[in-house]
PDB file of N, CA and C in Angstrom:
ATOM      1  N   MET A   1      -3.584  13.248  12.836  1.00  0.00           N
ATOM      2  CA  MET A   1      -4.932  12.744  13.074  1.00  0.00           C
ATOM      3  C   MET A   1      -5.822  13.128  11.896  1.00  0.00           C
ATOM      4  N   ASN A   2      -6.593  12.165  11.405  1.00  0.00           N
ATOM      5  CA  ASN A   2      -7.487  12.410  10.281  1.00  0.00           C
ATOM      6  C   ASN A   2      -8.818  12.951  10.768  1.00  0.00           C
ATOM      7  N   LYS A   3      -9.320  13.950  10.048  1.00  0.00           N
ATOM      8  CA  LYS A   3     -10.639  14.488  10.360  1.00  0.00           C
ATOM      9  C   LYS A   3     -11.705  13.525   9.846  1.00  0.00           C
ATOM     10  N   PHE A   4     -12.862  13.545  10.504  1.00  0.00           N
ATOM     11  CA  PHE A   4     -13.965  12.691  10.070  1.00  0.00           C
ATOM     12  C   PHE A   4     -14.486  13.167   8.725  1.00  0.00           C
ATOM     13  N   ASN A   5     -14.681  12.235   7.821  1.00  0.00           N
ATOM     14  CA  ASN A   5     -15.241  12.512   6.506  1.00  0.00           C
ATOM     15  C   ASN A   5     -16.370  11.507   6.289  1.00  0.00           C
ATOM     16  N   GLU A   6     -17.580  12.001   6.168  1.00  0.00           N
ATOM     17  CA  GLU A   6     -18.751  11.126   6.044  1.00  0.00           C
ATOM     18  C   GLU A   6     -18.657  10.199   4.843  1.00  0.00           C
ATOM     19  N   ASP A   7     -18.214  10.717   3.704  1.00  0.00           N
ATOM     20  CA  ASP A   7     -18.121   9.883   2.505  1.00  0.00           C
ATOM     21  C   ASP A   7     -17.122   8.742   2.699  1.00  0.00           C
ATOM     22  N   ILE A   8     -15.988   9.045   3.325  1.00  0.00           N
ATOM     23  CA  ILE A   8     -15.000   7.988   3.594  1.00  0.00           C
ATOM     24  C   ILE A   8     -15.581   6.961   4.552  1.00  0.00           C
ATOM     25  N   CYS A   9     -16.296   7.413   5.563  1.00  0.00           N
ATOM     26  CA  CYS A   9     -16.923   6.506   6.521  1.00  0.00           C
ATOM     27  C   CYS A   9     -17.886   5.554   5.816  1.00  0.00           C
ATOM     28  N   LEU A  10     -18.725   6.099   4.949  1.00  0.00           N
ATOM     29  CA  LEU A  10     -19.702   5.263   4.250  1.00  0.00           C
ATOM     30  C   LEU A  10     -19.013   4.301   3.285  1.00  0.00           C
ATOM     31  N   GLU A  11     -17.988   4.766   2.592  1.00  0.00           N
ATOM     32  CA  GLU A  11     -17.237   3.892   1.687  1.00  0.00           C
ATOM     33  C   GLU A  11     -16.532   2.771   2.449  1.00  0.00           C
ATOM     34  N   GLN A  12     -15.884   3.130   3.550  1.00  0.00           N
ATOM     35  CA  GLN A  12     -15.188   2.111   4.335  1.00  0.00           C
ATOM     36  C   GLN A  12     -16.173   1.104   4.923  1.00  0.00           C
ATOM     37  N   THR A  13     -17.302   1.579   5.395  1.00  0.00           N
ATOM     38  CA  THR A  13     -18.316   0.676   5.933  1.00  0.00           C
ATOM     39  C   THR A  13     -18.777  -0.295   4.857  1.00  0.00           C
ATOM     40  N   TYR A  14     -19.051   0.224   3.668  1.00  0.00           N
ATOM     41  CA  TYR A  14     -19.449  -0.627   2.545  1.00  0.00           C
ATOM     42  C   TYR A  14     -18.353  -1.656   2.237  1.00  0.00           C
ATOM     43  N   ASP A  15     -17.116  -1.182   2.132  1.00  0.00           N
ATOM     44  CA  ASP A  15     -16.009  -2.078   1.772  1.00  0.00           C
ATOM     45  C   ASP A  15     -15.854  -3.226   2.762  1.00  0.00           C
ATOM     46  N   VAL A  16     -16.033  -2.957   4.044  1.00  0.00           N
ATOM     47  CA  VAL A  16     -15.916  -4.008   5.051  1.00  0.00           C
ATOM     48  C   VAL A  16     -17.112  -4.952   4.977  1.00  0.00           C
ATOM     49  N   ILE A  17     -18.303  -4.402   4.828  1.00  0.00           N
ATOM     50  CA  ILE A  17     -19.506  -5.244   4.783  1.00  0.00           C
ATOM     51  C   ILE A  17     -19.461  -6.224   3.612  1.00  0.00           C
ATOM     52  N   VAL A  18     -19.034  -5.764   2.448  1.00  0.00           N
ATOM     53  CA  VAL A  18     -19.034  -6.654   1.276  1.00  0.00           C
ATOM     54  C   VAL A  18     -17.742  -7.456   1.151  1.00  0.00           C
ATOM     55  N   GLY A  19     -16.806  -7.279   2.081  1.00  0.00           N
ATOM     56  CA  GLY A  19     -15.589  -8.076   2.086  1.00  0.00           C
ATOM     57  C   GLY A  19     -14.477  -7.557   1.194  1.00  0.00           C
ATOM     58  N   LYS A  20     -14.609  -6.351   0.700  1.00  0.00           N
ATOM     59  CA  LYS A  20     -13.572  -5.757  -0.142  1.00  0.00           C
ATOM     60  C   LYS A  20     -12.353  -5.345   0.693  1.00  0.00           C
ATOM     61  N   GLU A  21     -12.582  -4.966   1.940  1.00  0.00           N
ATOM     62  CA  GLU A  21     -11.524  -4.571   2.873  1.00  0.00           C
ATOM     63  C   GLU A  21     -11.764  -5.274   4.205  1.00  0.00           C
ATOM     64  N   THR A  22     -10.727  -5.294   5.025  1.00  0.00           N
ATOM     65  CA  THR A  22     -10.857  -5.776   6.394  1.00  0.00           C
ATOM     66  C   THR A  22     -10.489  -4.630   7.318  1.00  0.00           C
ATOM     67  N   LEU A  23     -10.803  -4.784   8.576  1.00  0.00           N
ATOM     68  CA  LEU A  23     -10.418  -3.770   9.549  1.00  0.00           C
ATOM     69  C   LEU A  23      -8.902  -3.601   9.526  1.00  0.00           C
ATOM     70  N   HIS A  24      -8.194  -4.699   9.418  1.00  0.00           N
ATOM     71  CA  HIS A  24      -6.727  -4.664   9.401  1.00  0.00           C
ATOM     72  C   HIS A  24      -6.202  -3.860   8.207  1.00  0.00           C
ATOM     73  N   THR A  25      -6.719  -4.109   7.015  1.00  0.00           N
ATOM     74  CA  THR A  25      -6.221  -3.386   5.840  1.00  0.00           C
ATOM     75  C   THR A  25      -6.572  -1.896   5.921  1.00  0.00           C
ATOM     76  N   LEU A  26      -7.729  -1.574   6.483  1.00  0.00           N
ATOM     77  CA  LEU A  26      -8.083  -0.165   6.647  1.00  0.00           C
ATOM     78  C   LEU A  26      -7.138   0.523   7.623  1.00  0.00           C
ATOM     79  N   MET A  27      -6.761  -0.190   8.669  1.00  0.00           N
ATOM     80  CA  MET A  27      -5.866   0.388   9.674  1.00  0.00           C
ATOM     81  C   MET A  27      -4.474   0.662   9.098  1.00  0.00           C
ATOM     82  N   GLU A  28      -4.107  -0.081   8.080  1.00  0.00           N
ATOM     83  CA  GLU A  28      -2.812   0.133   7.432  1.00  0.00           C
ATOM     84  C   GLU A  28      -2.817   1.358   6.523  1.00  0.00           C
ATOM     85  N   GLY A  29      -3.997   1.819   6.132  1.00  0.00           N
ATOM     86  CA  GLY A  29      -4.112   2.952   5.223  1.00  0.00           C
ATOM     87  C   GLY A  29      -3.877   4.286   5.912  1.00  0.00           C
ATOM     88  N   SER A  30      -3.836   5.324   5.120  1.00  0.00           N
ATOM     89  CA  SER A  30      -3.539   6.661   5.643  1.00  0.00           C
ATOM     90  C   SER A  30      -4.789   7.483   5.938  1.00  0.00           C
ATOM     91  N   ARG A  31      -5.980   6.945   5.643  1.00  0.00           N
ATOM     92  CA  ARG A  31      -7.207   7.726   5.832  1.00  0.00           C
ATOM     93  C   ARG A  31      -7.835   7.540   7.207  1.00  0.00           C
ATOM     94  N   GLY A  32      -7.288   6.676   8.026  1.00  0.00           N
ATOM     95  CA  GLY A  32      -7.922   6.377   9.305  1.00  0.00           C
ATOM     96  C   GLY A  32      -9.058   5.398   9.091  1.00  0.00           C
ATOM     97  N   VAL A  33      -9.691   4.993  10.167  1.00  0.00           N
ATOM     98  CA  VAL A  33     -10.796   4.034  10.082  1.00  0.00           C
ATOM     99  C   VAL A  33     -12.037   4.668  10.689  1.00  0.00           C
ATOM    100  N   HIS A  34     -13.077   4.739   9.890  1.00  0.00           N
ATOM    101  CA  HIS A  34     -14.360   5.276  10.334  1.00  0.00           C
ATOM    102  C   HIS A  34     -15.448   4.344   9.822  1.00  0.00           C
ATOM    103  N   LEU A  35     -16.121   3.658  10.736  1.00  0.00           N
ATOM    104  CA  LEU A  35     -17.171   2.715  10.354  1.00  0.00           C
ATOM    105  C   LEU A  35     -18.463   3.048  11.085  1.00  0.00           C
ATOM    106  N   LEU A  36     -19.575   2.655  10.481  1.00  0.00           N
ATOM    107  CA  LEU A  36     -20.881   2.848  11.104  1.00  0.00           C
ATOM    108  C   LEU A  36     -21.253   1.721  12.054  1.00  0.00           C
ATOM    109  N   PHE A  37     -20.393   0.725  12.193  1.00  0.00           N
ATOM    110  CA  PHE A  37     -20.714  -0.420  13.037  1.00  0.00           C
ATOM    111  C   PHE A  37     -19.443  -0.931  13.705  1.00  0.00           C
ATOM    112  N   ASP A  38     -19.619  -1.749  14.687  1.00  0.00           N
ATOM    113  CA  ASP A  38     -18.493  -2.371  15.387  1.00  0.00           C
ATOM    114  C   ASP A  38     -18.101  -3.626  14.610  1.00  0.00           C
ATOM    115  N   PRO A  39     -16.944  -3.621  13.967  1.00  0.00           N
ATOM    116  CA  PRO A  39     -16.559  -4.759  13.124  1.00  0.00           C
ATOM    117  C   PRO A  39     -16.179  -6.017  13.888  1.00  0.00           C
ATOM    118  N   THR A  40     -16.179  -5.948  15.209  1.00  0.00           N
ATOM    119  CA  THR A  40     -15.859  -7.146  15.980  1.00  0.00           C
ATOM    120  C   THR A  40     -17.087  -8.040  16.176  1.00  0.00           C
ATOM    121  N   TYR A  41     -18.270  -7.557  15.811  1.00  0.00           N
ATOM    122  CA  TYR A  41     -19.494  -8.342  15.897  1.00  0.00           C
ATOM    123  C   TYR A  41     -19.853  -8.886  14.524  1.00  0.00           C
ATOM    124  N   PRO A  42     -20.532 -10.027  14.466  1.00  0.00           N
ATOM    125  CA  PRO A  42     -20.941 -10.598  13.179  1.00  0.00           C
ATOM    126  C   PRO A  42     -21.913  -9.670  12.434  1.00  0.00           C
ATOM    127  N   LEU A  43     -21.859  -9.724  11.102  1.00  0.00           N
ATOM    128  CA  LEU A  43     -22.756  -8.895  10.301  1.00  0.00           C
ATOM    129  C   LEU A  43     -24.223  -9.149  10.630  1.00  0.00           C
ATOM    130  N   ALA A  44     -24.557 -10.381  10.951  1.00  0.00           N
ATOM    131  CA  ALA A  44     -25.948 -10.719  11.253  1.00  0.00           C
ATOM    132  C   ALA A  44     -26.465 -10.000  12.499  1.00  0.00           C
ATOM    133  N   GLU A  45     -25.565  -9.515  13.340  1.00  0.00           N
ATOM    134  CA  GLU A  45     -25.973  -8.775  14.540  1.00  0.00           C
ATOM    135  C   GLU A  45     -26.004  -7.265  14.303  1.00  0.00           C
ATOM    136  N   MET A  46     -25.655  -6.848  13.098  1.00  0.00           N
ATOM    137  CA  MET A  46     -25.633  -5.441  12.764  1.00  0.00           C
ATOM    138  C   MET A  46     -27.068  -4.903  12.667  1.00  0.00           C
ATOM    139  N   ASP A  47     -27.228  -3.655  13.018  1.00  0.00           N
ATOM    140  CA  ASP A  47     -28.525  -2.990  12.889  1.00  0.00           C
ATOM    141  C   ASP A  47     -28.857  -2.857  11.406  1.00  0.00           C
ATOM    142  N   ILE A  48     -30.027  -3.302  11.015  1.00  0.00           N
ATOM    143  CA  ILE A  48     -30.441  -3.247   9.614  1.00  0.00           C
ATOM    144  C   ILE A  48     -30.446  -1.811   9.086  1.00  0.00           C
ATOM    145  N   GLU A  49     -30.582  -0.851   9.982  1.00  0.00           N
ATOM    146  CA  GLU A  49     -30.605   0.559   9.572  1.00  0.00           C
ATOM    147  C   GLU A  49     -29.291   0.978   8.913  1.00  0.00           C
ATOM    148  N   ILE A  50     -28.198   0.354   9.271  1.00  0.00           N
ATOM    149  CA  ILE A  50     -26.915   0.671   8.632  1.00  0.00           C
ATOM    150  C   ILE A  50     -26.983   0.355   7.142  1.00  0.00           C
ATOM    151  N   PHE A  51     -27.603  -0.754   6.800  1.00  0.00           N
ATOM    152  CA  PHE A  51     -27.785  -1.087   5.384  1.00  0.00           C
ATOM    153  C   PHE A  51     -28.641  -0.036   4.703  1.00  0.00           C
ATOM    154  N   ASN A  52     -29.704   0.401   5.363  1.00  0.00           N
ATOM    155  CA  ASN A  52     -30.589   1.405   4.780  1.00  0.00           C
ATOM    156  C   ASN A  52     -29.866   2.729   4.555  1.00  0.00           C
ATOM    157  N   ILE A  53     -29.032   3.131   5.492  1.00  0.00           N
ATOM    158  CA  ILE A  53     -28.245   4.365   5.355  1.00  0.00           C
ATOM    159  C   ILE A  53     -27.306   4.250   4.153  1.00  0.00           C
ATOM    160  N   LEU A  54     -26.622   3.125   4.051  1.00  0.00           N
ATOM    161  CA  LEU A  54     -25.699   2.930   2.931  1.00  0.00           C
ATOM    162  C   LEU A  54     -26.426   2.892   1.597  1.00  0.00           C
ATOM    163  N   ILE A  55     -27.533   2.194   1.540  1.00  0.00           N
ATOM    164  CA  ILE A  55     -28.307   2.118   0.294  1.00  0.00           C
ATOM    165  C   ILE A  55     -28.774   3.507  -0.117  1.00  0.00           C
ATOM    166  N   ASP A  56     -29.298   4.290   0.811  1.00  0.00           N
ATOM    167  CA  ASP A  56     -29.725   5.659   0.496  1.00  0.00           C
ATOM    168  C   ASP A  56     -28.559   6.499  -0.025  1.00  0.00           C
ATOM    169  N   HIS A  57     -27.406   6.359   0.626  1.00  0.00           N
ATOM    170  CA  HIS A  57     -26.221   7.119   0.195  1.00  0.00           C
ATOM    171  C   HIS A  57     -25.841   6.757  -1.233  1.00  0.00           C
ATOM    172  N   PHE A  58     -25.792   5.470  -1.527  1.00  0.00           N
ATOM    173  CA  PHE A  58     -25.353   5.056  -2.858  1.00  0.00           C
ATOM    174  C   PHE A  58     -26.422   5.297  -3.923  1.00  0.00           C
ATOM    175  N   ILE A  59     -27.670   5.402  -3.541  1.00  0.00           N
ATOM    176  CA  ILE A  59     -28.701   5.862  -4.485  1.00  0.00           C
ATOM    177  C   ILE A  59     -28.429   7.319  -4.842  1.00  0.00           C
ATOM    178  N   ASN A  60     -28.137   8.128  -3.826  1.00  0.00           N
ATOM    179  CA  ASN A  60     -27.867   9.550  -4.056  1.00  0.00           C
ATOM    180  C   ASN A  60     -26.625   9.780  -4.905  1.00  0.00           C
ATOM    181  N   THR A  61     -25.628   8.895  -4.773  1.00  0.00           N
ATOM    182  CA  THR A  61     -24.407   9.043  -5.575  1.00  0.00           C
ATOM    183  C   THR A  61     -24.491   8.234  -6.875  1.00  0.00           C
ATOM    184  N   GLU A  62     -25.652   7.645  -7.124  1.00  0.00           N
ATOM    185  CA  GLU A  62     -25.940   6.867  -8.337  1.00  0.00           C
ATOM    186  C   GLU A  62     -24.976   5.697  -8.534  1.00  0.00           C
ATOM    187  N   GLU A  63     -24.623   5.047  -7.417  1.00  0.00           N
ATOM    188  CA  GLU A  63     -23.774   3.852  -7.463  1.00  0.00           C
ATOM    189  C   GLU A  63     -24.675   2.632  -7.245  1.00  0.00           C
ATOM    190  N   TYR A  64     -25.420   2.316  -8.295  1.00  0.00           N
ATOM    191  CA  TYR A  64     -26.484   1.324  -8.183  1.00  0.00           C
ATOM    192  C   TYR A  64     -25.978  -0.107  -8.000  1.00  0.00           C
ATOM    193  N   GLU A  65     -24.792  -0.410  -8.491  1.00  0.00           N
ATOM    194  CA  GLU A  65     -24.240  -1.753  -8.282  1.00  0.00           C
ATOM    195  C   GLU A  65     -23.976  -1.992  -6.797  1.00  0.00           C
ATOM    196  N   LYS A  66     -23.495  -0.955  -6.107  1.00  0.00           N
ATOM    197  CA  LYS A  66     -23.275  -1.066  -4.668  1.00  0.00           C
ATOM    198  C   LYS A  66     -24.606  -1.248  -3.952  1.00  0.00           C
ATOM    199  N   CYS A  67     -25.619  -0.525  -4.399  1.00  0.00           N
ATOM    200  CA  CYS A  67     -26.957  -0.668  -3.798  1.00  0.00           C
ATOM    201  C   CYS A  67     -27.448  -2.103  -3.929  1.00  0.00           C
ATOM    202  N   GLN A  68     -27.273  -2.672  -5.111  1.00  0.00           N
ATOM    203  CA  GLN A  68     -27.756  -4.034  -5.339  1.00  0.00           C
ATOM    204  C   GLN A  68     -27.028  -5.038  -4.464  1.00  0.00           C
ATOM    205  N   LYS A  69     -25.714  -4.878  -4.318  1.00  0.00           N
ATOM    206  CA  LYS A  69     -24.956  -5.782  -3.438  1.00  0.00           C
ATOM    207  C   LYS A  69     -25.466  -5.688  -2.008  1.00  0.00           C
ATOM    208  N   LEU A  70     -25.727  -4.475  -1.554  1.00  0.00           N
ATOM    209  CA  LEU A  70     -26.228  -4.286  -0.193  1.00  0.00           C
ATOM    210  C   LEU A  70     -27.623  -4.874  -0.026  1.00  0.00           C
ATOM    211  N   ILE A  71     -28.479  -4.672  -0.992  1.00  0.00           N
ATOM    212  CA  ILE A  71     -29.841  -5.216  -0.936  1.00  0.00           C
ATOM    213  C   ILE A  71     -29.790  -6.738  -0.892  1.00  0.00           C
ATOM    214  N   ASP A  72     -28.944  -7.331  -1.731  1.00  0.00           N
ATOM    215  CA  ASP A  72     -28.820  -8.804  -1.750  1.00  0.00           C
ATOM    216  C   ASP A  72     -28.302  -9.325  -0.411  1.00  0.00           C
ATOM    217  N   LEU A  73     -27.299  -8.694   0.124  1.00  0.00           N
ATOM    218  CA  LEU A  73     -26.733  -9.115   1.416  1.00  0.00           C
ATOM    219  C   LEU A  73     -27.734  -8.914   2.534  1.00  0.00           C
ATOM    220  N   LYS A  74     -28.462  -7.821   2.490  1.00  0.00           N
ATOM    221  CA  LYS A  74     -29.486  -7.529   3.502  1.00  0.00           C
ATOM    222  C   LYS A  74     -30.555  -8.619   3.511  1.00  0.00           C
ATOM    223  N   LYS A  75     -30.958  -9.077   2.327  1.00  0.00           N
ATOM    224  CA  LYS A  75     -31.958 -10.152   2.228  1.00  0.00           C
ATOM    225  C   LYS A  75     -31.436 -11.435   2.873  1.00  0.00           C
ATOM    226  N   VAL A  76     -30.168 -11.747   2.613  1.00  0.00           N
ATOM    227  CA  VAL A  76     -29.577 -12.971   3.156  1.00  0.00           C
ATOM    228  C   VAL A  76     -29.482 -12.894   4.690  1.00  0.00           C
ATOM    229  N   LEU A  77     -29.045 -11.748   5.194  1.00  0.00           N
ATOM    230  CA  LEU A  77     -28.813 -11.623   6.619  1.00  0.00           C
ATOM    231  C   LEU A  77     -30.072 -11.443   7.452  1.00  0.00           C
ATOM    232  N   PHE A  78     -31.078 -10.784   6.901  1.00  0.00           N
ATOM    233  CA  PHE A  78     -32.217 -10.378   7.710  1.00  0.00           C
ATOM    234  C   PHE A  78     -33.553 -10.983   7.301  1.00  0.00           C
ATOM    235  N   SER A  79     -33.547 -11.983   6.422  1.00  0.00           N
ATOM    236  CA  SER A  79     -34.838 -12.594   6.076  1.00  0.00           C
ATOM    237  C   SER A  79     -35.001 -13.940   6.722  1.00  0.00           C
TER     238      SER A  79
END
């Protein structure tokens, strides 16, 4: 059993949101699956706060390209 790791959770959540990974591919991996949202619901039904949490995290880790992708997607989904 894999222990919860916040950084892995945030990375996996990002990867699924931007389409880099799917729930299926994550389940095949050895790190377990930890997401901030229920992947069985459409992204448009996701709480906007999840985007804000991810953006704050990637600002802190200075991964600005990820921040921009999230900001762009957030505008499309929630405007």
